[in-house]
N, C-alpha and C. Protein backbone atom coordinates (compact mmCIF):
# COMPACT_ATOMS: atom_id res chain seq x y z
N MET A 1 0.85 -1.19 0.00
CA MET A 1 0.00 0.00 0.00
C MET A 1 0.89 1.24 0.00
N HIS A 2 0.69 2.10 -1.00
CA HIS A 2 1.51 3.31 -1.08
C HIS A 2 1.09 4.28 0.01
N SER A 3 2.06 5.06 0.52
CA SER A 3 1.74 6.06 1.53
C SER A 3 0.79 7.09 0.94
N GLY A 4 -0.10 7.58 1.76
CA GLY A 4 -1.07 8.57 1.29
C GLY A 4 -2.34 7.94 0.78
N HIS A 5 -2.35 6.62 0.52
CA HIS A 5 -3.54 5.94 0.08
C HIS A 5 -4.31 5.45 1.30
N GLN A 6 -5.62 5.59 1.25
CA GLN A 6 -6.44 5.15 2.37
C GLN A 6 -6.48 3.63 2.40
N LYS A 7 -6.35 3.06 3.59
CA LYS A 7 -6.36 1.61 3.73
C LYS A 7 -7.75 1.06 3.43
N PHE A 8 -7.80 0.00 2.64
CA PHE A 8 -9.09 -0.60 2.28
C PHE A 8 -9.68 -1.34 3.47
N SER A 9 -10.98 -1.18 3.67
CA SER A 9 -11.67 -1.88 4.75
C SER A 9 -12.67 -2.86 4.16
N TRP A 10 -12.63 -4.09 4.68
CA TRP A 10 -13.57 -5.11 4.23
C TRP A 10 -14.91 -5.01 4.94
N ALA A 11 -15.00 -4.17 5.98
CA ALA A 11 -16.23 -4.12 6.78
C ALA A 11 -17.46 -3.76 5.96
N PRO A 12 -17.44 -2.68 5.14
CA PRO A 12 -18.65 -2.36 4.37
C PRO A 12 -19.04 -3.47 3.41
N LEU A 13 -18.04 -4.13 2.81
CA LEU A 13 -18.34 -5.23 1.89
C LEU A 13 -18.99 -6.40 2.61
N ALA A 14 -18.47 -6.74 3.79
CA ALA A 14 -19.04 -7.84 4.57
C ALA A 14 -20.45 -7.50 5.03
N LEU A 15 -20.66 -6.27 5.48
CA LEU A 15 -21.98 -5.85 5.95
C LEU A 15 -23.00 -5.86 4.81
N SER A 16 -22.61 -5.33 3.67
CA SER A 16 -23.53 -5.30 2.52
C SER A 16 -23.77 -6.71 1.99
N GLY A 17 -22.72 -7.55 2.02
CA GLY A 17 -22.89 -8.93 1.56
C GLY A 17 -23.90 -9.69 2.39
N PHE A 18 -23.82 -9.55 3.72
CA PHE A 18 -24.78 -10.23 4.59
C PHE A 18 -26.19 -9.69 4.35
N TYR A 19 -26.31 -8.37 4.20
CA TYR A 19 -27.61 -7.76 3.95
C TYR A 19 -28.24 -8.31 2.67
N VAL A 20 -27.46 -8.39 1.60
CA VAL A 20 -27.97 -8.89 0.32
C VAL A 20 -28.36 -10.36 0.43
N LEU A 21 -27.56 -11.16 1.13
CA LEU A 21 -27.88 -12.58 1.29
C LEU A 21 -29.20 -12.77 2.04
N VAL A 22 -29.43 -11.97 3.07
CA VAL A 22 -30.68 -12.08 3.82
C VAL A 22 -31.85 -11.64 2.95
N CYS A 23 -31.67 -10.58 2.16
CA CYS A 23 -32.73 -10.15 1.25
C CYS A 23 -33.06 -11.26 0.26
N ALA A 24 -32.03 -11.94 -0.25
CA ALA A 24 -32.26 -13.04 -1.19
C ALA A 24 -33.00 -14.18 -0.51
N PHE A 25 -32.59 -14.52 0.70
CA PHE A 25 -33.26 -15.59 1.45
C PHE A 25 -34.73 -15.25 1.67
N ARG A 26 -35.02 -14.01 2.07
CA ARG A 26 -36.40 -13.61 2.34
C ARG A 26 -37.23 -13.54 1.07
N SER A 27 -36.59 -13.34 -0.08
CA SER A 27 -37.33 -13.35 -1.34
C SER A 27 -37.70 -14.76 -1.77
N PHE A 28 -36.88 -15.74 -1.39
CA PHE A 28 -37.20 -17.14 -1.71
C PHE A 28 -38.20 -17.73 -0.71
N PHE A 29 -38.18 -17.23 0.52
CA PHE A 29 -39.09 -17.73 1.55
C PHE A 29 -39.84 -16.54 2.18
N PRO A 30 -40.72 -15.92 1.38
CA PRO A 30 -41.42 -14.72 1.87
C PRO A 30 -42.39 -15.04 3.00
N ARG A 31 -42.55 -14.09 3.89
CA ARG A 31 -43.47 -14.25 5.01
C ARG A 31 -43.94 -12.87 5.46
N ILE A 32 -45.06 -12.85 6.16
CA ILE A 32 -45.53 -11.64 6.83
C ILE A 32 -45.52 -11.97 8.31
N ASP A 33 -44.60 -11.34 9.03
CA ASP A 33 -44.30 -11.78 10.39
C ASP A 33 -45.49 -11.72 11.34
N LEU A 34 -46.13 -10.56 11.44
CA LEU A 34 -47.15 -10.40 12.46
C LEU A 34 -48.36 -11.29 12.19
N GLU A 35 -48.77 -11.39 10.93
CA GLU A 35 -49.93 -12.22 10.58
C GLU A 35 -49.59 -13.70 10.48
N ARG A 36 -48.29 -14.03 10.51
CA ARG A 36 -47.80 -15.41 10.47
C ARG A 36 -48.04 -16.07 9.11
N TYR A 37 -48.16 -15.28 8.06
CA TYR A 37 -48.35 -15.85 6.73
C TYR A 37 -47.00 -16.21 6.11
N CYS A 38 -46.98 -17.29 5.33
CA CYS A 38 -45.78 -17.67 4.58
C CYS A 38 -46.22 -18.30 3.26
N LEU A 39 -45.33 -18.26 2.29
CA LEU A 39 -45.65 -18.85 0.99
C LEU A 39 -45.39 -20.35 0.98
N PHE A 40 -44.34 -20.79 1.66
CA PHE A 40 -43.99 -22.21 1.73
C PHE A 40 -43.97 -22.65 3.19
N ASP A 41 -44.63 -23.74 3.47
CA ASP A 41 -44.69 -24.24 4.85
C ASP A 41 -43.50 -25.16 5.11
N THR A 42 -42.35 -24.55 5.37
CA THR A 42 -41.14 -25.30 5.67
C THR A 42 -40.48 -24.65 6.90
N PRO A 43 -39.56 -25.37 7.55
CA PRO A 43 -38.85 -24.76 8.69
C PRO A 43 -38.12 -23.47 8.32
N LEU A 44 -37.72 -23.32 7.05
CA LEU A 44 -37.04 -22.11 6.62
C LEU A 44 -37.99 -20.91 6.57
N SER A 45 -39.29 -21.19 6.63
CA SER A 45 -40.28 -20.11 6.66
C SER A 45 -40.65 -19.72 8.09
N SER A 46 -39.94 -20.23 9.05
CA SER A 46 -40.19 -19.90 10.45
C SER A 46 -40.19 -18.39 10.66
N ILE A 47 -41.20 -17.89 11.34
CA ILE A 47 -41.28 -16.45 11.63
C ILE A 47 -40.10 -16.03 12.48
N ALA A 48 -39.75 -16.83 13.46
CA ALA A 48 -38.63 -16.50 14.35
C ALA A 48 -37.32 -16.44 13.58
N LEU A 49 -37.09 -17.40 12.67
CA LEU A 49 -35.86 -17.41 11.87
C LEU A 49 -35.81 -16.19 10.96
N GLY A 50 -36.88 -15.94 10.24
CA GLY A 50 -36.90 -14.81 9.32
C GLY A 50 -36.70 -13.48 10.01
N ARG A 51 -37.37 -13.31 11.17
CA ARG A 51 -37.24 -12.06 11.91
C ARG A 51 -35.83 -11.90 12.48
N SER A 52 -35.22 -13.00 12.91
CA SER A 52 -33.86 -12.94 13.44
C SER A 52 -32.87 -12.51 12.36
N LEU A 53 -32.99 -13.11 11.18
CA LEU A 53 -32.08 -12.74 10.09
C LEU A 53 -32.31 -11.30 9.65
N ALA A 54 -33.59 -10.89 9.59
CA ALA A 54 -33.89 -9.52 9.19
C ALA A 54 -33.33 -8.53 10.20
N THR A 55 -33.39 -8.87 11.47
CA THR A 55 -32.84 -7.99 12.51
C THR A 55 -31.35 -7.76 12.28
N LEU A 56 -30.61 -8.84 12.07
CA LEU A 56 -29.17 -8.72 11.83
C LEU A 56 -28.88 -7.94 10.56
N ALA A 57 -29.68 -8.20 9.51
CA ALA A 57 -29.46 -7.52 8.24
C ALA A 57 -29.70 -6.02 8.36
N GLU A 58 -30.76 -5.63 9.09
CA GLU A 58 -31.06 -4.21 9.23
C GLU A 58 -30.02 -3.49 10.09
N ILE A 59 -29.48 -4.19 11.06
CA ILE A 59 -28.39 -3.60 11.85
C ILE A 59 -27.15 -3.45 10.97
N CYS A 60 -26.89 -4.44 10.10
CA CYS A 60 -25.78 -4.32 9.16
C CYS A 60 -25.96 -3.12 8.24
N PHE A 61 -27.18 -2.90 7.77
CA PHE A 61 -27.45 -1.75 6.90
C PHE A 61 -27.16 -0.44 7.63
N SER A 62 -27.62 -0.34 8.89
CA SER A 62 -27.37 0.88 9.66
C SER A 62 -25.88 1.07 9.90
N ALA A 63 -25.16 -0.04 10.08
CA ALA A 63 -23.71 0.06 10.28
C ALA A 63 -23.02 0.57 9.02
N GLN A 64 -23.50 0.15 7.84
CA GLN A 64 -22.94 0.67 6.59
C GLN A 64 -23.12 2.18 6.51
N CYS A 65 -24.34 2.63 6.84
CA CYS A 65 -24.62 4.08 6.82
C CYS A 65 -23.73 4.81 7.82
N ALA A 66 -23.53 4.19 8.99
CA ALA A 66 -22.71 4.81 10.03
C ALA A 66 -21.27 4.96 9.56
N ILE A 67 -20.75 3.93 8.90
CA ILE A 67 -19.37 4.00 8.39
C ILE A 67 -19.23 5.10 7.35
N LEU A 68 -20.21 5.18 6.44
CA LEU A 68 -20.17 6.21 5.40
C LEU A 68 -20.19 7.61 6.02
N ILE A 69 -21.06 7.83 6.99
CA ILE A 69 -21.18 9.15 7.59
C ILE A 69 -19.96 9.45 8.47
N TYR A 70 -19.43 8.44 9.13
CA TYR A 70 -18.21 8.65 9.91
C TYR A 70 -17.06 9.09 9.00
N ASP A 71 -16.87 8.37 7.89
CA ASP A 71 -15.81 8.74 6.95
C ASP A 71 -16.04 10.14 6.39
N LEU A 72 -17.31 10.48 6.13
CA LEU A 72 -17.62 11.82 5.65
C LEU A 72 -17.26 12.86 6.70
N GLY A 73 -17.59 12.58 7.97
CA GLY A 73 -17.26 13.50 9.05
C GLY A 73 -15.77 13.71 9.20
N VAL A 74 -15.01 12.62 9.06
CA VAL A 74 -13.55 12.73 9.14
C VAL A 74 -13.03 13.56 7.97
N HIS A 75 -13.60 13.32 6.78
CA HIS A 75 -13.13 14.00 5.56
C HIS A 75 -13.33 15.51 5.64
N ILE A 76 -14.46 15.94 6.20
CA ILE A 76 -14.73 17.38 6.26
C ILE A 76 -14.47 17.95 7.67
N ASP A 77 -13.90 17.10 8.54
CA ASP A 77 -13.52 17.52 9.89
C ASP A 77 -14.72 18.04 10.68
N SER A 78 -15.77 17.20 10.73
CA SER A 78 -17.00 17.57 11.45
C SER A 78 -17.19 16.63 12.63
N THR A 79 -17.01 17.15 13.84
CA THR A 79 -17.23 16.35 15.04
C THR A 79 -18.70 15.96 15.18
N ALA A 80 -19.59 16.89 14.85
CA ALA A 80 -21.03 16.61 14.95
C ALA A 80 -21.42 15.44 14.06
N MET A 81 -20.82 15.36 12.89
CA MET A 81 -21.16 14.29 11.97
C MET A 81 -20.67 12.93 12.48
N THR A 82 -19.53 12.91 13.12
CA THR A 82 -19.05 11.64 13.68
C THR A 82 -19.93 11.21 14.86
N VAL A 83 -20.45 12.18 15.62
CA VAL A 83 -21.39 11.85 16.69
C VAL A 83 -22.65 11.23 16.10
N VAL A 84 -23.16 11.80 15.02
CA VAL A 84 -24.32 11.23 14.33
C VAL A 84 -24.03 9.80 13.89
N ALA A 85 -22.84 9.58 13.34
CA ALA A 85 -22.47 8.25 12.87
C ALA A 85 -22.55 7.23 14.00
N TYR A 86 -22.05 7.60 15.17
CA TYR A 86 -22.08 6.68 16.30
C TYR A 86 -23.50 6.44 16.83
N SER A 87 -24.44 7.34 16.51
CA SER A 87 -25.80 7.20 17.02
C SER A 87 -26.68 6.30 16.16
N LEU A 88 -26.30 6.07 14.91
CA LEU A 88 -27.20 5.38 13.98
C LEU A 88 -27.48 3.93 14.36
N VAL A 89 -26.45 3.18 14.68
CA VAL A 89 -26.67 1.76 15.01
C VAL A 89 -27.50 1.61 16.28
N PRO A 90 -27.21 2.38 17.38
CA PRO A 90 -28.09 2.27 18.55
C PRO A 90 -29.55 2.61 18.25
N ILE A 91 -29.80 3.60 17.39
CA ILE A 91 -31.17 3.94 17.03
C ILE A 91 -31.86 2.75 16.39
N ILE A 92 -31.17 2.07 15.48
CA ILE A 92 -31.78 0.95 14.77
C ILE A 92 -31.89 -0.28 15.66
N ILE A 93 -31.00 -0.45 16.61
CA ILE A 93 -31.15 -1.55 17.57
C ILE A 93 -32.43 -1.35 18.38
N VAL A 94 -32.69 -0.12 18.81
CA VAL A 94 -33.94 0.16 19.53
C VAL A 94 -35.14 -0.07 18.61
N ALA A 95 -35.00 0.32 17.33
CA ALA A 95 -36.08 0.08 16.36
C ALA A 95 -36.37 -1.41 16.23
N GLN A 96 -35.33 -2.24 16.26
CA GLN A 96 -35.53 -3.68 16.15
C GLN A 96 -36.25 -4.24 17.37
N VAL A 97 -36.03 -3.63 18.53
CA VAL A 97 -36.78 -4.04 19.72
C VAL A 97 -38.26 -3.81 19.49
N GLY A 98 -38.60 -2.65 18.90
CA GLY A 98 -39.99 -2.37 18.58
C GLY A 98 -40.56 -3.34 17.57
N CYS A 99 -39.76 -3.68 16.57
CA CYS A 99 -40.21 -4.64 15.55
C CYS A 99 -40.47 -6.00 16.16
N TRP A 100 -39.58 -6.45 17.03
CA TRP A 100 -39.78 -7.73 17.71
C TRP A 100 -41.01 -7.70 18.60
N LYS A 101 -41.24 -6.57 19.27
CA LYS A 101 -42.41 -6.49 20.14
C LYS A 101 -43.68 -6.59 19.31
N ALA A 102 -43.69 -5.97 18.13
CA ALA A 102 -44.83 -6.09 17.23
C ALA A 102 -45.04 -7.53 16.79
N ALA A 103 -43.96 -8.18 16.36
CA ALA A 103 -44.06 -9.55 15.85
C ALA A 103 -44.46 -10.53 16.93
N LEU A 104 -44.05 -10.29 18.18
CA LEU A 104 -44.36 -11.22 19.26
C LEU A 104 -45.73 -10.97 19.89
N THR A 105 -46.09 -9.70 20.03
CA THR A 105 -47.37 -9.39 20.68
C THR A 105 -48.52 -9.29 19.70
N LEU A 106 -48.24 -9.24 18.40
CA LEU A 106 -49.23 -9.08 17.32
C LEU A 106 -49.87 -7.68 17.34
N ASN A 107 -49.12 -6.69 17.78
CA ASN A 107 -49.63 -5.33 17.89
C ASN A 107 -48.90 -4.44 16.87
N HIS A 108 -49.62 -3.98 15.85
CA HIS A 108 -49.01 -3.17 14.79
C HIS A 108 -48.49 -1.83 15.29
N PHE A 109 -48.95 -1.36 16.43
CA PHE A 109 -48.48 -0.08 16.98
C PHE A 109 -46.95 -0.06 17.05
N TRP A 110 -46.37 -1.16 17.46
CA TRP A 110 -44.91 -1.18 17.63
C TRP A 110 -44.17 -1.18 16.30
N HIS A 111 -44.81 -1.66 15.23
CA HIS A 111 -44.22 -1.49 13.91
C HIS A 111 -44.18 -0.02 13.53
N GLY A 112 -45.24 0.72 13.89
CA GLY A 112 -45.23 2.16 13.63
C GLY A 112 -44.12 2.87 14.37
N MET A 113 -43.89 2.46 15.63
CA MET A 113 -42.81 3.07 16.40
C MET A 113 -41.45 2.72 15.82
N GLU A 114 -41.31 1.49 15.35
CA GLU A 114 -40.06 1.10 14.69
C GLU A 114 -39.78 1.99 13.48
N GLU A 115 -40.82 2.17 12.64
CA GLU A 115 -40.65 2.98 11.45
C GLU A 115 -40.31 4.44 11.82
N ALA A 116 -40.87 4.93 12.91
CA ALA A 116 -40.57 6.30 13.34
C ALA A 116 -39.08 6.46 13.63
N LEU A 117 -38.46 5.44 14.21
CA LEU A 117 -37.02 5.50 14.47
C LEU A 117 -36.22 5.44 13.17
N TRP A 118 -36.70 4.69 12.19
CA TRP A 118 -36.05 4.69 10.89
C TRP A 118 -36.13 6.08 10.25
N VAL A 119 -37.25 6.78 10.47
CA VAL A 119 -37.38 8.15 9.96
C VAL A 119 -36.33 9.05 10.61
N VAL A 120 -36.12 8.88 11.92
CA VAL A 120 -35.09 9.65 12.62
C VAL A 120 -33.72 9.40 11.99
N MET A 121 -33.42 8.12 11.73
CA MET A 121 -32.13 7.80 11.12
C MET A 121 -32.01 8.43 9.74
N SER A 122 -33.08 8.36 8.94
CA SER A 122 -33.05 8.95 7.59
C SER A 122 -32.85 10.45 7.66
N ALA A 123 -33.49 11.11 8.64
CA ALA A 123 -33.35 12.56 8.77
C ALA A 123 -31.93 12.94 9.16
N LEU A 124 -31.34 12.19 10.09
CA LEU A 124 -29.96 12.47 10.49
C LEU A 124 -28.99 12.26 9.33
N ALA A 125 -29.18 11.15 8.62
CA ALA A 125 -28.30 10.87 7.48
C ALA A 125 -28.48 11.93 6.41
N GLY A 126 -29.74 12.31 6.14
CA GLY A 126 -30.00 13.34 5.14
C GLY A 126 -29.35 14.66 5.48
N ALA A 127 -29.39 15.04 6.75
CA ALA A 127 -28.75 16.30 7.18
C ALA A 127 -27.24 16.25 6.93
N CYS A 128 -26.64 15.09 7.19
CA CYS A 128 -25.20 14.94 6.93
C CYS A 128 -24.89 15.03 5.44
N PHE A 129 -25.74 14.43 4.62
CA PHE A 129 -25.51 14.47 3.18
C PHE A 129 -25.69 15.89 2.64
N ILE A 130 -26.65 16.63 3.18
CA ILE A 130 -26.83 18.03 2.76
C ILE A 130 -25.58 18.84 3.09
N THR A 131 -25.04 18.63 4.30
CA THR A 131 -23.81 19.32 4.68
C THR A 131 -22.67 18.97 3.73
N GLY A 132 -22.55 17.68 3.43
CA GLY A 132 -21.52 17.24 2.49
C GLY A 132 -21.71 17.83 1.11
N PHE A 133 -22.96 17.93 0.68
CA PHE A 133 -23.24 18.49 -0.65
C PHE A 133 -22.79 19.95 -0.74
N VAL A 134 -22.97 20.69 0.35
CA VAL A 134 -22.58 22.10 0.37
C VAL A 134 -21.06 22.26 0.37
N LEU A 135 -20.36 21.39 1.10
CA LEU A 135 -18.92 21.57 1.31
C LEU A 135 -18.04 20.87 0.28
N LEU A 136 -18.57 19.87 -0.40
CA LEU A 136 -17.75 19.08 -1.32
C LEU A 136 -18.03 19.46 -2.76
N ASP A 137 -17.23 18.90 -3.67
CA ASP A 137 -17.47 19.14 -5.09
C ASP A 137 -17.15 17.87 -5.88
N GLY A 138 -17.34 17.94 -7.18
CA GLY A 138 -17.03 16.80 -8.05
C GLY A 138 -17.91 15.60 -7.78
N TRP A 139 -17.30 14.41 -7.90
CA TRP A 139 -18.08 13.18 -7.75
C TRP A 139 -18.58 12.98 -6.32
N LEU A 140 -17.87 13.56 -5.36
CA LEU A 140 -18.33 13.46 -3.97
C LEU A 140 -19.63 14.24 -3.78
N ARG A 141 -19.75 15.37 -4.45
CA ARG A 141 -21.01 16.12 -4.37
C ARG A 141 -22.14 15.31 -5.02
N MET A 142 -21.85 14.64 -6.12
CA MET A 142 -22.86 13.79 -6.77
C MET A 142 -23.29 12.67 -5.82
N LEU A 143 -22.32 12.08 -5.12
CA LEU A 143 -22.64 11.02 -4.16
C LEU A 143 -23.54 11.56 -3.05
N MET A 144 -23.24 12.77 -2.59
CA MET A 144 -24.08 13.39 -1.55
C MET A 144 -25.49 13.62 -2.07
N GLY A 145 -25.61 14.00 -3.35
CA GLY A 145 -26.92 14.20 -3.95
C GLY A 145 -27.74 12.92 -3.95
N VAL A 146 -27.08 11.81 -4.28
CA VAL A 146 -27.77 10.51 -4.24
C VAL A 146 -28.22 10.20 -2.81
N GLY A 147 -27.35 10.49 -1.85
CA GLY A 147 -27.70 10.25 -0.45
C GLY A 147 -28.89 11.09 0.00
N ILE A 148 -28.93 12.35 -0.45
CA ILE A 148 -30.05 13.23 -0.09
C ILE A 148 -31.35 12.68 -0.66
N LEU A 149 -31.34 12.32 -1.94
CA LEU A 149 -32.55 11.80 -2.57
C LEU A 149 -33.00 10.50 -1.92
N SER A 150 -32.05 9.64 -1.58
CA SER A 150 -32.38 8.37 -0.93
C SER A 150 -33.00 8.60 0.45
N SER A 151 -32.42 9.52 1.20
CA SER A 151 -32.95 9.82 2.54
C SER A 151 -34.35 10.42 2.45
N LEU A 152 -34.55 11.34 1.51
CA LEU A 152 -35.86 11.94 1.34
C LEU A 152 -36.90 10.91 0.91
N GLY A 153 -36.52 10.04 -0.04
CA GLY A 153 -37.45 9.02 -0.52
C GLY A 153 -37.83 8.05 0.57
N ALA A 154 -36.83 7.56 1.31
CA ALA A 154 -37.11 6.60 2.38
C ALA A 154 -37.94 7.25 3.47
N GLY A 155 -37.59 8.49 3.84
CA GLY A 155 -38.33 9.19 4.88
C GLY A 155 -39.77 9.43 4.49
N TYR A 156 -39.99 9.80 3.23
CA TYR A 156 -41.36 10.06 2.75
C TYR A 156 -42.21 8.79 2.82
N ILE A 157 -41.67 7.67 2.32
CA ILE A 157 -42.43 6.42 2.31
C ILE A 157 -42.78 5.99 3.72
N MET A 158 -41.81 6.07 4.62
CA MET A 158 -42.07 5.63 5.99
C MET A 158 -43.03 6.56 6.71
N LEU A 159 -42.85 7.87 6.51
CA LEU A 159 -43.64 8.85 7.26
C LEU A 159 -45.07 8.95 6.75
N PHE A 160 -45.25 8.82 5.44
CA PHE A 160 -46.58 9.06 4.88
C PHE A 160 -47.28 7.81 4.36
N VAL A 161 -46.57 6.69 4.32
CA VAL A 161 -47.19 5.43 3.87
C VAL A 161 -47.16 4.39 4.98
N ASP A 162 -45.97 4.02 5.41
CA ASP A 162 -45.84 2.90 6.36
C ASP A 162 -46.42 3.20 7.73
N ILE A 163 -46.02 4.31 8.34
CA ILE A 163 -46.48 4.62 9.69
C ILE A 163 -48.01 4.78 9.75
N PRO A 164 -48.62 5.57 8.84
CA PRO A 164 -50.08 5.65 8.86
C PRO A 164 -50.75 4.28 8.66
N MET A 165 -50.15 3.43 7.81
CA MET A 165 -50.72 2.10 7.57
C MET A 165 -50.73 1.28 8.86
N TYR A 166 -49.62 1.27 9.59
CA TYR A 166 -49.55 0.47 10.81
C TYR A 166 -50.49 1.00 11.89
N PHE A 167 -50.54 2.32 12.05
CA PHE A 167 -51.44 2.88 13.05
C PHE A 167 -52.90 2.67 12.66
N ASP A 168 -53.18 2.70 11.35
CA ASP A 168 -54.55 2.45 10.88
C ASP A 168 -54.94 1.00 11.15
N ARG A 169 -54.03 0.07 10.95
CA ARG A 169 -54.32 -1.33 11.25
C ARG A 169 -54.59 -1.53 12.74
N THR A 170 -53.87 -0.78 13.57
CA THR A 170 -54.11 -0.87 15.01
C THR A 170 -55.50 -0.36 15.35
N ARG A 171 -55.90 0.76 14.75
CA ARG A 171 -57.21 1.35 15.03
C ARG A 171 -58.35 0.50 14.48
N ARG A 172 -58.15 -0.11 13.29
CA ARG A 172 -59.23 -0.85 12.64
C ARG A 172 -59.54 -2.17 13.32
N SER A 173 -58.64 -2.65 14.15
CA SER A 173 -58.90 -3.92 14.84
C SER A 173 -59.86 -3.66 16.00
N PRO A 174 -61.11 -4.20 15.93
CA PRO A 174 -62.08 -3.95 17.00
C PRO A 174 -61.56 -4.46 18.34
N ALA A 175 -61.85 -3.70 19.39
CA ALA A 175 -61.37 -4.09 20.72
C ALA A 175 -61.87 -5.47 21.11
N SER A 176 -63.07 -5.84 20.65
CA SER A 176 -63.63 -7.14 21.00
C SER A 176 -62.87 -8.30 20.35
N LYS A 177 -62.19 -8.01 19.22
CA LYS A 177 -61.47 -9.06 18.50
C LYS A 177 -59.96 -8.96 18.69
N ARG A 178 -59.53 -7.92 19.35
CA ARG A 178 -58.10 -7.69 19.50
C ARG A 178 -57.54 -8.67 20.53
N ARG A 179 -56.52 -9.38 20.15
CA ARG A 179 -55.91 -10.36 21.05
C ARG A 179 -54.42 -10.22 20.96
N TYR A 180 -53.86 -9.39 21.84
CA TYR A 180 -52.42 -9.24 21.88
C TYR A 180 -51.82 -10.31 22.78
N LEU A 181 -50.66 -10.81 22.38
CA LEU A 181 -50.00 -11.84 23.14
C LEU A 181 -49.00 -11.24 24.11
N ALA A 182 -48.76 -11.93 25.19
CA ALA A 182 -47.62 -11.59 26.04
C ALA A 182 -46.35 -11.99 25.29
N VAL A 183 -45.23 -11.37 25.65
CA VAL A 183 -43.98 -11.63 24.92
C VAL A 183 -43.62 -13.12 24.97
N TRP A 184 -43.76 -13.75 26.13
CA TRP A 184 -43.40 -15.17 26.22
C TRP A 184 -44.32 -16.03 25.37
N GLU A 185 -45.62 -15.63 25.27
CA GLU A 185 -46.53 -16.35 24.38
C GLU A 185 -46.14 -16.15 22.93
N GLY A 186 -45.73 -14.92 22.60
CA GLY A 186 -45.35 -14.60 21.24
C GLY A 186 -44.12 -15.35 20.78
N ILE A 187 -43.17 -15.56 21.69
CA ILE A 187 -41.97 -16.32 21.34
C ILE A 187 -42.35 -17.74 20.93
N ARG A 188 -43.18 -18.36 21.73
CA ARG A 188 -43.62 -19.72 21.42
C ARG A 188 -44.42 -19.75 20.12
N ASP A 189 -45.27 -18.75 19.92
CA ASP A 189 -46.10 -18.67 18.72
C ASP A 189 -45.24 -18.48 17.47
N ALA A 190 -44.25 -17.57 17.55
CA ALA A 190 -43.39 -17.29 16.40
C ALA A 190 -42.51 -18.48 16.04
N LEU A 191 -42.19 -19.29 17.02
CA LEU A 191 -41.37 -20.48 16.76
C LEU A 191 -42.15 -21.60 16.08
N SER A 192 -43.46 -21.64 16.33
CA SER A 192 -44.22 -22.82 15.89
C SER A 192 -45.31 -22.55 14.87
N ARG A 193 -45.94 -21.37 14.89
CA ARG A 193 -47.12 -21.17 14.06
C ARG A 193 -46.78 -20.43 12.77
N ARG A 194 -47.33 -20.88 11.65
CA ARG A 194 -47.28 -20.18 10.39
C ARG A 194 -48.46 -20.65 9.55
N ILE A 195 -48.96 -19.76 8.73
CA ILE A 195 -50.12 -20.04 7.91
C ILE A 195 -49.71 -19.96 6.45
N GLN A 196 -49.74 -21.08 5.75
CA GLN A 196 -49.34 -21.09 4.35
C GLN A 196 -50.45 -20.52 3.49
N THR A 197 -50.09 -19.60 2.61
CA THR A 197 -51.06 -19.01 1.70
C THR A 197 -50.36 -18.44 0.48
N ALA A 198 -51.05 -18.51 -0.66
CA ALA A 198 -50.55 -17.88 -1.87
C ALA A 198 -51.49 -16.75 -2.30
N ASP A 199 -52.38 -16.35 -1.40
CA ASP A 199 -53.33 -15.28 -1.68
C ASP A 199 -52.62 -13.94 -1.71
N ARG A 200 -52.64 -13.25 -2.84
CA ARG A 200 -51.96 -11.97 -2.98
C ARG A 200 -52.62 -10.87 -2.19
N ALA A 201 -53.85 -11.09 -1.72
CA ALA A 201 -54.58 -10.05 -1.01
C ALA A 201 -54.26 -9.96 0.46
N VAL A 202 -53.49 -10.94 1.00
CA VAL A 202 -53.24 -10.95 2.45
C VAL A 202 -52.21 -9.87 2.83
């Protein structure tokens, strides 16, 4: 390695590789966690297995974003940006707790709270990319532009589509029919129960 060249890190490649593999796995064995629906009734369609892999993959994704923003903060000498970078993974770990609570208790409210934390992450990342866009030039500015558009797009979908959908599902469930599970019940349920269906309307 010549002096002055930045040392190559395998971490982003490993994180993105795991994320892509989990996405591929979930595309071959699709499921809807809270409703316990799956396309194929096999052990690989286990709600607990799918949710566990998705949790790790989403943390890997947040770690990739954190590395990018940390490197950006170092490049433009921004302490605030490096602080943001260190906050991203903890935010998404808390979001995953909400996702697990939704999947185990069968309460869509916690999916809405999970998505709200993803919106926070998107807003923080977007603010960093805007700062980078102002201070950088050339291809780095173009990269910041892509980051801004990605953050805005993700934030819009979550804030105006996903979160209202989850809260609406919570409201539409009549109190007389609502049956939320305790966490220990949900663990047992997620390990054993799944409903095979090919109905596109579910």
